[in-house]
Amino acid sequence: MRKNKYKHITWDDISIYKGLPNRKKAILTNEFLQTFKDELISIFTEDDVKQGREPLDYANKTYYGFYDGIEVSSGFYKALKIACEKHNLTKAIYKYENNMAWYDSDMFDSDLTELMVERGIIEKGNYSELYGDDSSKDEMTAYKLVKRFKVYNVVEYKWCSNDDIDFIKKLYKDSDKELIWV
């Protein structure tokens, strides 16, 4: 039997980042993480004011309610740079991350905020916070769209607010996709 000479490429083949190294974790003290959190709050509050918006209460935001959504933002990197300068970690952390490929840097950002949760600097919160304060699973309806081909089907799973059900029905009424409520 002949071996296939082609290999499927995965993220593991592209990425050299395998998680936050223990030597980096050790220098990310609780004091550093608290400074980083304080800088994030300051930067995003200042940005709200500059934009003419009422600042949010960032001090009480959770991982799912705020921090998960700001990773890889310019404010995130600005706060990281300031915190690193204050704790003399510019080379060890800030430059370390800046020398990574974008996909590795994204994972590093996520590991950094998850470390803040692990160490109790920020609360994890609820996954439902990703959708905003005014939505919950009880107010959402799942549906799927099926596009049929000769030998296969393509199925997309989605959800919508209960208020949008009529809109979704109209949207897909004359579509080549079959709408099925789950």
N, C-alpha and C. Protein backbone atom coordinates (compact mmCIF):
# COMPACT_ATOMS: atom_id res chain seq x y z
N MET A 1 0.84 -1.18 0.00
CA MET A 1 0.00 0.00 0.00
C MET A 1 0.89 1.25 0.00
N ARG A 2 0.56 2.18 -0.83
CA ARG A 2 1.36 3.39 -0.99
C ARG A 2 0.94 4.47 0.00
N LYS A 3 1.89 5.12 0.62
CA LYS A 3 1.61 6.19 1.58
C LYS A 3 1.27 7.48 0.85
N ASN A 4 0.35 8.22 1.41
CA ASN A 4 0.01 9.52 0.86
C ASN A 4 1.15 10.49 1.15
N LYS A 5 1.68 11.13 0.13
CA LYS A 5 2.81 12.04 0.34
C LYS A 5 2.37 13.42 0.82
N TYR A 6 1.06 13.70 0.79
CA TYR A 6 0.56 14.99 1.23
C TYR A 6 0.12 14.92 2.68
N LYS A 7 0.47 15.95 3.41
CA LYS A 7 0.12 16.01 4.82
C LYS A 7 -0.90 17.12 5.02
N HIS A 8 -1.90 16.88 5.84
CA HIS A 8 -2.85 17.92 6.19
C HIS A 8 -2.18 18.86 7.19
N ILE A 9 -2.24 20.13 6.94
CA ILE A 9 -1.61 21.12 7.82
C ILE A 9 -2.61 21.55 8.88
N THR A 10 -2.15 21.58 10.12
CA THR A 10 -2.99 22.03 11.23
C THR A 10 -2.32 23.23 11.89
N TRP A 11 -3.04 23.87 12.86
CA TRP A 11 -2.45 25.00 13.59
C TRP A 11 -1.19 24.57 14.32
N ASP A 12 -1.13 23.32 14.76
CA ASP A 12 0.05 22.84 15.46
C ASP A 12 1.28 22.82 14.55
N ASP A 13 1.07 22.66 13.25
CA ASP A 13 2.18 22.69 12.30
C ASP A 13 2.67 24.11 12.06
N ILE A 14 1.78 25.09 12.19
CA ILE A 14 2.12 26.48 11.91
C ILE A 14 2.65 27.16 13.17
N SER A 15 2.00 26.93 14.28
CA SER A 15 2.28 27.64 15.52
C SER A 15 3.38 26.96 16.33
N ILE A 16 4.25 27.80 16.89
CA ILE A 16 5.26 27.25 17.80
C ILE A 16 4.85 27.49 19.25
N TYR A 17 3.80 28.27 19.45
CA TYR A 17 3.33 28.60 20.80
C TYR A 17 2.54 27.44 21.37
N LYS A 18 2.96 26.94 22.51
CA LYS A 18 2.30 25.78 23.12
C LYS A 18 1.74 26.11 24.50
N GLY A 19 1.43 27.38 24.73
CA GLY A 19 0.91 27.79 26.02
C GLY A 19 1.90 28.67 26.75
N LEU A 20 1.41 29.31 27.77
CA LEU A 20 2.23 30.21 28.57
C LEU A 20 3.32 29.41 29.29
N PRO A 21 4.60 29.67 28.94
CA PRO A 21 5.68 28.90 29.58
C PRO A 21 5.73 29.16 31.09
N ASN A 22 6.13 28.16 31.84
CA ASN A 22 6.20 28.29 33.30
C ASN A 22 7.13 29.42 33.73
N ARG A 23 8.22 29.63 32.99
CA ARG A 23 9.15 30.70 33.36
C ARG A 23 8.51 32.07 33.17
N LYS A 24 7.60 32.20 32.22
CA LYS A 24 6.87 33.47 32.04
C LYS A 24 5.78 33.60 33.09
N LYS A 25 5.10 32.49 33.36
CA LYS A 25 4.05 32.49 34.39
C LYS A 25 4.61 32.92 35.74
N ALA A 26 5.82 32.48 36.04
CA ALA A 26 6.44 32.77 37.33
C ALA A 26 6.71 34.27 37.52
N ILE A 27 7.03 34.97 36.44
CA ILE A 27 7.33 36.41 36.59
C ILE A 27 6.07 37.27 36.47
N LEU A 28 4.97 36.67 36.07
CA LEU A 28 3.70 37.40 36.02
C LEU A 28 3.06 37.33 37.40
N THR A 29 3.53 38.16 38.28
CA THR A 29 3.05 38.16 39.66
C THR A 29 1.63 38.72 39.74
N ASN A 30 0.99 38.50 40.86
CA ASN A 30 -0.34 39.08 41.08
C ASN A 30 -0.28 40.60 41.04
N GLU A 31 0.81 41.18 41.53
CA GLU A 31 0.98 42.63 41.50
C GLU A 31 1.03 43.13 40.06
N PHE A 32 1.77 42.41 39.21
CA PHE A 32 1.82 42.78 37.80
C PHE A 32 0.44 42.69 37.16
N LEU A 33 -0.25 41.58 37.41
CA LEU A 33 -1.58 41.37 36.80
C LEU A 33 -2.57 42.43 37.28
N GLN A 34 -2.47 42.83 38.55
CA GLN A 34 -3.34 43.89 39.07
C GLN A 34 -3.03 45.22 38.39
N THR A 35 -1.74 45.51 38.21
CA THR A 35 -1.35 46.73 37.50
C THR A 35 -1.88 46.70 36.07
N PHE A 36 -1.76 45.56 35.42
CA PHE A 36 -2.26 45.40 34.06
C PHE A 36 -3.77 45.65 34.01
N LYS A 37 -4.51 45.09 34.95
CA LYS A 37 -5.96 45.31 35.03
C LYS A 37 -6.25 46.79 35.23
N ASP A 38 -5.54 47.44 36.15
CA ASP A 38 -5.75 48.87 36.42
C ASP A 38 -5.49 49.71 35.17
N GLU A 39 -4.45 49.36 34.42
CA GLU A 39 -4.13 50.09 33.19
C GLU A 39 -5.21 49.87 32.13
N LEU A 40 -5.72 48.67 32.04
CA LEU A 40 -6.82 48.40 31.10
C LEU A 40 -8.03 49.27 31.43
N ILE A 41 -8.38 49.31 32.70
CA ILE A 41 -9.52 50.11 33.15
C ILE A 41 -9.29 51.58 32.81
N SER A 42 -8.11 52.07 33.10
CA SER A 42 -7.77 53.48 32.83
C SER A 42 -7.86 53.80 31.34
N ILE A 43 -7.25 52.96 30.53
CA ILE A 43 -7.22 53.20 29.08
C ILE A 43 -8.61 53.15 28.47
N PHE A 44 -9.40 52.15 28.82
CA PHE A 44 -10.74 52.04 28.22
C PHE A 44 -11.70 53.10 28.76
N THR A 45 -11.53 53.50 30.01
CA THR A 45 -12.34 54.60 30.56
C THR A 45 -11.99 55.90 29.82
N GLU A 46 -10.71 56.15 29.65
CA GLU A 46 -10.24 57.34 28.95
C GLU A 46 -10.77 57.35 27.50
N ASP A 47 -10.77 56.19 26.86
CA ASP A 47 -11.27 56.10 25.50
C ASP A 47 -12.77 56.40 25.43
N ASP A 48 -13.53 55.90 26.41
CA ASP A 48 -14.96 56.19 26.46
C ASP A 48 -15.20 57.70 26.54
N VAL A 49 -14.45 58.37 27.40
CA VAL A 49 -14.58 59.82 27.58
C VAL A 49 -14.23 60.55 26.27
N LYS A 50 -13.13 60.15 25.64
CA LYS A 50 -12.73 60.76 24.36
C LYS A 50 -13.80 60.59 23.29
N GLN A 51 -14.50 59.46 23.32
CA GLN A 51 -15.54 59.16 22.33
C GLN A 51 -16.89 59.80 22.70
N GLY A 52 -16.93 60.48 23.85
CA GLY A 52 -18.17 61.13 24.28
C GLY A 52 -19.18 60.17 24.87
N ARG A 53 -18.71 59.00 25.32
CA ARG A 53 -19.60 58.00 25.92
C ARG A 53 -19.45 58.03 27.44
N GLU A 54 -20.51 57.63 28.10
CA GLU A 54 -20.45 57.45 29.55
C GLU A 54 -19.56 56.23 29.83
N PRO A 55 -18.50 56.38 30.62
CA PRO A 55 -17.61 55.24 30.88
C PRO A 55 -18.34 54.10 31.58
N LEU A 56 -18.02 52.89 31.18
CA LEU A 56 -18.57 51.71 31.83
C LEU A 56 -17.86 51.48 33.15
N ASP A 57 -18.43 50.67 34.00
CA ASP A 57 -17.82 50.31 35.28
C ASP A 57 -16.88 49.13 35.04
N TYR A 58 -15.73 49.42 34.42
CA TYR A 58 -14.79 48.37 34.04
C TYR A 58 -14.23 47.62 35.25
N ALA A 59 -14.16 48.26 36.40
CA ALA A 59 -13.61 47.62 37.59
C ALA A 59 -14.41 46.38 37.99
N ASN A 60 -15.68 46.34 37.64
CA ASN A 60 -16.54 45.21 38.01
C ASN A 60 -16.87 44.31 36.83
N LYS A 61 -16.20 44.50 35.71
CA LYS A 61 -16.45 43.65 34.55
C LYS A 61 -15.76 42.30 34.73
N THR A 62 -16.34 41.26 34.14
CA THR A 62 -15.79 39.91 34.23
C THR A 62 -15.03 39.55 32.96
N TYR A 63 -14.42 38.39 32.97
CA TYR A 63 -13.70 37.89 31.80
C TYR A 63 -14.64 37.84 30.60
N TYR A 64 -15.78 37.17 30.76
CA TYR A 64 -16.73 37.05 29.64
C TYR A 64 -17.43 38.36 29.33
N GLY A 65 -17.59 39.21 30.32
CA GLY A 65 -18.30 40.46 30.12
C GLY A 65 -17.46 41.57 29.52
N PHE A 66 -16.13 41.42 29.52
CA PHE A 66 -15.28 42.49 29.00
C PHE A 66 -13.93 42.01 28.50
N TYR A 67 -13.15 41.35 29.34
CA TYR A 67 -11.75 41.05 29.03
C TYR A 67 -11.58 40.13 27.83
N ASP A 68 -12.49 39.18 27.66
CA ASP A 68 -12.40 38.28 26.51
C ASP A 68 -12.54 39.04 25.18
N GLY A 69 -13.27 40.14 25.21
CA GLY A 69 -13.52 40.91 24.00
C GLY A 69 -12.47 41.95 23.66
N ILE A 70 -11.54 42.22 24.57
CA ILE A 70 -10.55 43.27 24.29
C ILE A 70 -9.16 42.72 24.00
N GLU A 71 -9.00 41.41 24.14
CA GLU A 71 -7.70 40.82 23.79
C GLU A 71 -7.40 41.20 22.34
N VAL A 72 -6.17 41.39 22.05
CA VAL A 72 -5.65 41.78 20.72
C VAL A 72 -6.09 43.17 20.27
N SER A 73 -6.57 44.01 21.18
CA SER A 73 -6.93 45.39 20.82
C SER A 73 -5.74 46.30 21.11
N SER A 74 -5.77 47.48 20.52
CA SER A 74 -4.67 48.43 20.75
C SER A 74 -4.63 48.85 22.22
N GLY A 75 -5.79 48.98 22.86
CA GLY A 75 -5.84 49.32 24.27
C GLY A 75 -5.21 48.23 25.14
N PHE A 76 -5.41 46.99 24.76
CA PHE A 76 -4.83 45.85 25.47
C PHE A 76 -3.30 45.95 25.42
N TYR A 77 -2.76 46.19 24.24
CA TYR A 77 -1.30 46.26 24.09
C TYR A 77 -0.71 47.49 24.77
N LYS A 78 -1.45 48.58 24.74
CA LYS A 78 -0.98 49.80 25.42
C LYS A 78 -0.90 49.55 26.93
N ALA A 79 -1.93 48.92 27.48
CA ALA A 79 -1.94 48.61 28.92
C ALA A 79 -0.84 47.62 29.27
N LEU A 80 -0.62 46.64 28.40
CA LEU A 80 0.44 45.66 28.65
C LEU A 80 1.81 46.33 28.65
N LYS A 81 2.02 47.23 27.71
CA LYS A 81 3.30 47.94 27.64
C LYS A 81 3.54 48.76 28.91
N ILE A 82 2.53 49.49 29.36
CA ILE A 82 2.67 50.33 30.56
C ILE A 82 2.93 49.46 31.79
N ALA A 83 2.16 48.38 31.93
CA ALA A 83 2.34 47.48 33.08
C ALA A 83 3.74 46.85 33.06
N CYS A 84 4.20 46.47 31.88
CA CYS A 84 5.55 45.89 31.77
C CYS A 84 6.63 46.90 32.14
N GLU A 85 6.45 48.15 31.72
CA GLU A 85 7.42 49.20 32.07
C GLU A 85 7.45 49.42 33.58
N LYS A 86 6.27 49.44 34.21
CA LYS A 86 6.19 49.67 35.65
C LYS A 86 6.83 48.54 36.47
N HIS A 87 6.83 47.33 35.93
CA HIS A 87 7.35 46.17 36.66
C HIS A 87 8.66 45.65 36.06
N ASN A 88 9.26 46.44 35.18
CA ASN A 88 10.53 46.07 34.56
C ASN A 88 10.45 44.71 33.84
N LEU A 89 9.37 44.51 33.11
CA LEU A 89 9.18 43.26 32.36
C LEU A 89 9.05 43.50 30.86
N THR A 90 9.51 44.66 30.39
CA THR A 90 9.35 44.99 28.98
C THR A 90 9.98 43.94 28.07
N LYS A 91 11.20 43.58 28.33
CA LYS A 91 11.89 42.59 27.49
C LYS A 91 11.29 41.20 27.68
N ALA A 92 11.06 40.83 28.93
CA ALA A 92 10.61 39.47 29.25
C ALA A 92 9.18 39.18 28.77
N ILE A 93 8.31 40.18 28.77
CA ILE A 93 6.91 39.94 28.40
C ILE A 93 6.51 40.72 27.15
N TYR A 94 6.62 42.03 27.17
CA TYR A 94 6.12 42.85 26.07
C TYR A 94 6.86 42.57 24.76
N LYS A 95 8.17 42.58 24.78
CA LYS A 95 8.93 42.31 23.55
C LYS A 95 8.80 40.84 23.15
N TYR A 96 8.71 39.97 24.14
CA TYR A 96 8.49 38.54 23.88
C TYR A 96 7.23 38.34 23.04
N GLU A 97 6.15 39.00 23.46
CA GLU A 97 4.89 38.87 22.72
C GLU A 97 4.96 39.55 21.36
N ASN A 98 5.58 40.71 21.29
CA ASN A 98 5.66 41.43 20.03
C ASN A 98 6.49 40.71 18.97
N ASN A 99 7.35 39.80 19.39
CA ASN A 99 8.15 39.03 18.43
C ASN A 99 7.45 37.77 17.94
N MET A 100 6.26 37.50 18.48
CA MET A 100 5.50 36.32 18.06
C MET A 100 4.74 36.60 16.77
N ALA A 101 4.42 35.54 16.05
CA ALA A 101 3.51 35.66 14.91
C ALA A 101 2.13 36.03 15.47
N TRP A 102 1.29 36.63 14.63
CA TRP A 102 0.00 37.14 15.12
C TRP A 102 -0.85 36.06 15.78
N TYR A 103 -0.86 34.84 15.24
CA TYR A 103 -1.70 33.79 15.80
C TYR A 103 -1.17 33.33 17.16
N ASP A 104 0.15 33.32 17.33
CA ASP A 104 0.72 32.97 18.62
C ASP A 104 0.48 34.08 19.64
N SER A 105 0.60 35.32 19.18
CA SER A 105 0.35 36.47 20.05
C SER A 105 -1.09 36.48 20.54
N ASP A 106 -2.03 36.14 19.68
CA ASP A 106 -3.45 36.06 20.07
C ASP A 106 -3.64 35.03 21.19
N MET A 107 -2.99 33.89 21.07
CA MET A 107 -3.11 32.85 22.10
C MET A 107 -2.44 33.30 23.40
N PHE A 108 -1.32 34.01 23.29
CA PHE A 108 -0.65 34.54 24.48
C PHE A 108 -1.58 35.51 25.21
N ASP A 109 -2.25 36.40 24.47
CA ASP A 109 -3.19 37.35 25.08
C ASP A 109 -4.28 36.61 25.86
N SER A 110 -4.81 35.58 25.25
CA SER A 110 -5.86 34.79 25.89
C SER A 110 -5.33 34.12 27.15
N ASP A 111 -4.13 33.56 27.08
CA ASP A 111 -3.53 32.93 28.26
C ASP A 111 -3.31 33.94 29.38
N LEU A 112 -2.93 35.15 29.01
CA LEU A 112 -2.69 36.20 30.00
C LEU A 112 -3.97 36.56 30.75
N THR A 113 -5.06 36.76 30.03
CA THR A 113 -6.32 37.10 30.70
C THR A 113 -6.88 35.90 31.48
N GLU A 114 -6.67 34.70 30.96
CA GLU A 114 -7.12 33.52 31.70
C GLU A 114 -6.31 33.34 32.98
N LEU A 115 -5.03 33.74 32.96
CA LEU A 115 -4.22 33.71 34.17
C LEU A 115 -4.77 34.70 35.21
N MET A 116 -5.28 35.83 34.74
CA MET A 116 -5.90 36.81 35.64
C MET A 116 -7.11 36.20 36.34
N VAL A 117 -7.87 35.38 35.61
CA VAL A 117 -9.02 34.69 36.21
C VAL A 117 -8.53 33.65 37.21
N GLU A 118 -7.55 32.85 36.79
CA GLU A 118 -7.01 31.78 37.62
C GLU A 118 -6.46 32.32 38.95
N ARG A 119 -5.87 33.51 38.90
CA ARG A 119 -5.26 34.09 40.10
C ARG A 119 -6.24 34.98 40.89
N GLY A 120 -7.48 35.10 40.43
CA GLY A 120 -8.49 35.86 41.16
C GLY A 120 -8.41 37.37 40.96
N ILE A 121 -7.70 37.82 39.95
CA ILE A 121 -7.60 39.26 39.67
C ILE A 121 -8.90 39.75 39.04
N ILE A 122 -9.49 38.91 38.19
CA ILE A 122 -10.80 39.20 37.61
C ILE A 122 -11.69 37.97 37.79
N GLU A 123 -12.99 38.20 37.81
CA GLU A 123 -13.95 37.10 37.90
C GLU A 123 -14.20 36.55 36.50
N LYS A 124 -14.48 35.26 36.42
CA LYS A 124 -14.75 34.64 35.13
C LYS A 124 -16.10 35.10 34.56
N GLY A 125 -17.12 35.15 35.40
CA GLY A 125 -18.45 35.53 34.94
C GLY A 125 -19.14 34.37 34.24
N ASN A 126 -20.17 34.70 33.46
CA ASN A 126 -20.95 33.69 32.75
C ASN A 126 -20.77 33.84 31.25
N TYR A 127 -20.78 32.71 30.56
CA TYR A 127 -20.64 32.71 29.11
C TYR A 127 -21.72 33.55 28.45
N SER A 128 -22.90 33.61 29.06
CA SER A 128 -24.01 34.38 28.49
C SER A 128 -23.71 35.88 28.43
N GLU A 129 -22.72 36.35 29.20
CA GLU A 129 -22.36 37.77 29.17
C GLU A 129 -21.79 38.19 27.82
N LEU A 130 -21.34 37.23 27.04
CA LEU A 130 -20.81 37.55 25.70
C LEU A 130 -21.88 38.16 24.82
N TYR A 131 -23.14 37.86 25.09
CA TYR A 131 -24.23 38.34 24.26
C TYR A 131 -24.88 39.60 24.78
N GLY A 132 -24.37 40.18 25.84
CA GLY A 132 -24.94 41.40 26.39
C GLY A 132 -25.86 41.13 27.55
N ASP A 133 -26.18 42.18 28.28
CA ASP A 133 -26.99 42.06 29.48
C ASP A 133 -28.46 41.75 29.20
N ASP A 134 -28.94 42.08 28.00
CA ASP A 134 -30.37 41.97 27.75
C ASP A 134 -30.77 40.68 27.04
N SER A 135 -29.87 39.73 26.90
CA SER A 135 -30.25 38.48 26.23
C SER A 135 -29.89 37.29 27.11
N SER A 136 -30.65 36.24 26.97
CA SER A 136 -30.37 35.00 27.69
C SER A 136 -30.82 33.84 26.83
N LYS A 137 -30.46 32.62 27.24
CA LYS A 137 -30.83 31.45 26.45
C LYS A 137 -32.35 31.32 26.31
N ASP A 138 -33.10 31.73 27.36
CA ASP A 138 -34.55 31.60 27.32
C ASP A 138 -35.16 32.51 26.25
N GLU A 139 -34.48 33.57 25.88
CA GLU A 139 -34.99 34.51 24.89
C GLU A 139 -34.43 34.26 23.50
N MET A 140 -33.72 33.14 23.33
CA MET A 140 -33.10 32.82 22.06
C MET A 140 -33.71 31.55 21.49
N THR A 141 -33.74 31.47 20.16
CA THR A 141 -34.25 30.30 19.47
C THR A 141 -33.20 29.81 18.48
N ALA A 142 -32.96 28.51 18.48
CA ALA A 142 -31.98 27.92 17.57
C ALA A 142 -32.68 27.51 16.27
N TYR A 143 -31.92 27.60 15.18
CA TYR A 143 -32.41 27.14 13.90
C TYR A 143 -31.24 26.66 13.07
N LYS A 144 -31.57 25.93 12.01
CA LYS A 144 -30.51 25.51 11.10
C LYS A 144 -30.94 25.80 9.67
N LEU A 145 -29.95 26.04 8.86
CA LEU A 145 -30.16 26.27 7.43
C LEU A 145 -29.52 25.10 6.69
N VAL A 146 -30.27 24.50 5.79
CA VAL A 146 -29.77 23.34 5.05
C VAL A 146 -29.79 23.68 3.57
N LYS A 147 -28.64 23.59 2.95
CA LYS A 147 -28.53 23.76 1.50
C LYS A 147 -28.21 22.39 0.93
N ARG A 148 -29.08 21.91 0.07
CA ARG A 148 -28.96 20.54 -0.43
C ARG A 148 -28.27 20.53 -1.80
N PHE A 149 -27.33 19.61 -1.92
CA PHE A 149 -26.64 19.36 -3.18
C PHE A 149 -26.90 17.92 -3.58
N LYS A 150 -26.42 17.50 -4.74
CA LYS A 150 -26.70 16.14 -5.22
C LYS A 150 -26.21 15.06 -4.25
N VAL A 151 -24.99 15.19 -3.78
CA VAL A 151 -24.44 14.11 -2.97
C VAL A 151 -24.13 14.51 -1.53
N TYR A 152 -24.42 15.74 -1.16
CA TYR A 152 -24.17 16.16 0.21
C TYR A 152 -25.03 17.37 0.56
N ASN A 153 -25.11 17.66 1.83
CA ASN A 153 -25.83 18.83 2.33
C ASN A 153 -24.88 19.70 3.14
N VAL A 154 -25.11 20.99 3.11
CA VAL A 154 -24.37 21.90 3.97
C VAL A 154 -25.35 22.41 5.01
N VAL A 155 -25.00 22.22 6.29
CA VAL A 155 -25.88 22.60 7.39
C VAL A 155 -25.20 23.67 8.22
N GLU A 156 -25.90 24.78 8.44
CA GLU A 156 -25.41 25.85 9.31
C GLU A 156 -26.33 25.92 10.51
N TYR A 157 -25.76 25.90 11.70
CA TYR A 157 -26.54 26.06 12.92
C TYR A 157 -26.41 27.50 13.40
N LYS A 158 -27.54 28.11 13.72
CA LYS A 158 -27.55 29.50 14.16
C LYS A 158 -28.57 29.68 15.27
N TRP A 159 -28.63 30.89 15.81
CA TRP A 159 -29.63 31.24 16.81
C TRP A 159 -30.03 32.68 16.57
N CYS A 160 -31.19 33.03 17.09
CA CYS A 160 -31.66 34.40 16.98
C CYS A 160 -32.52 34.74 18.18
N SER A 161 -32.74 36.01 18.37
CA SER A 161 -33.62 36.48 19.42
C SER A 161 -35.05 36.09 19.05
N ASN A 162 -35.86 35.79 20.04
CA ASN A 162 -37.26 35.45 19.76
C ASN A 162 -37.98 36.58 19.02
N ASP A 163 -37.53 37.82 19.23
CA ASP A 163 -38.13 38.96 18.54
C ASP A 163 -37.82 38.96 17.05
N ASP A 164 -36.79 38.22 16.63
CA ASP A 164 -36.37 38.22 15.23
C ASP A 164 -36.87 37.03 14.43
N ILE A 165 -37.70 36.18 15.01
CA ILE A 165 -38.16 34.97 14.32
C ILE A 165 -38.89 35.31 13.02
N ASP A 166 -39.80 36.27 13.05
CA ASP A 166 -40.53 36.63 11.82
C ASP A 166 -39.58 37.17 10.75
N PHE A 167 -38.61 37.96 11.17
CA PHE A 167 -37.62 38.49 10.23
C PHE A 167 -36.82 37.36 9.58
N ILE A 168 -36.40 36.39 10.37
CA ILE A 168 -35.63 35.25 9.86
C ILE A 168 -36.46 34.44 8.87
N LYS A 169 -37.75 34.24 9.20
CA LYS A 169 -38.64 33.50 8.28
C LYS A 169 -38.74 34.21 6.93
N LYS A 170 -38.90 35.51 6.95
CA LYS A 170 -38.99 36.30 5.71
C LYS A 170 -37.66 36.29 4.96
N LEU A 171 -36.58 36.37 5.69
CA LEU A 171 -35.26 36.42 5.09
C LEU A 171 -34.95 35.17 4.26
N TYR A 172 -35.36 34.01 4.76
CA TYR A 172 -35.04 32.75 4.09
C TYR A 172 -36.23 32.15 3.33
N LYS A 173 -37.32 32.90 3.19
CA LYS A 173 -38.53 32.39 2.53
C LYS A 173 -38.24 31.92 1.10
N ASP A 174 -37.58 32.72 0.31
CA ASP A 174 -37.30 32.38 -1.08
C ASP A 174 -35.83 32.02 -1.30
N SER A 175 -35.20 31.56 -0.27
CA SER A 175 -33.78 31.24 -0.32
C SER A 175 -33.57 29.81 -0.85
N ASP A 176 -32.36 29.52 -1.29
CA ASP A 176 -32.02 28.16 -1.70
C ASP A 176 -31.65 27.30 -0.48
N LYS A 177 -31.81 27.88 0.70
CA LYS A 177 -31.54 27.15 1.95
C LYS A 177 -32.85 26.87 2.66
N GLU A 178 -32.99 25.67 3.18
CA GLU A 178 -34.19 25.30 3.93
C GLU A 178 -34.01 25.71 5.38
N LEU A 179 -34.99 26.42 5.92
CA LEU A 179 -34.96 26.88 7.30
C LEU A 179 -35.68 25.86 8.18
N ILE A 180 -34.98 25.38 9.21
CA ILE A 180 -35.56 24.39 10.12
C ILE A 180 -35.35 24.91 11.54
N TRP A 181 -36.44 25.06 12.30
CA TRP A 181 -36.35 25.51 13.69
C TRP A 181 -36.02 24.33 14.56
N VAL A 182 -35.05 24.48 15.43
CA VAL A 182 -34.57 23.37 16.26
C VAL A 182 -35.24 23.44 17.62
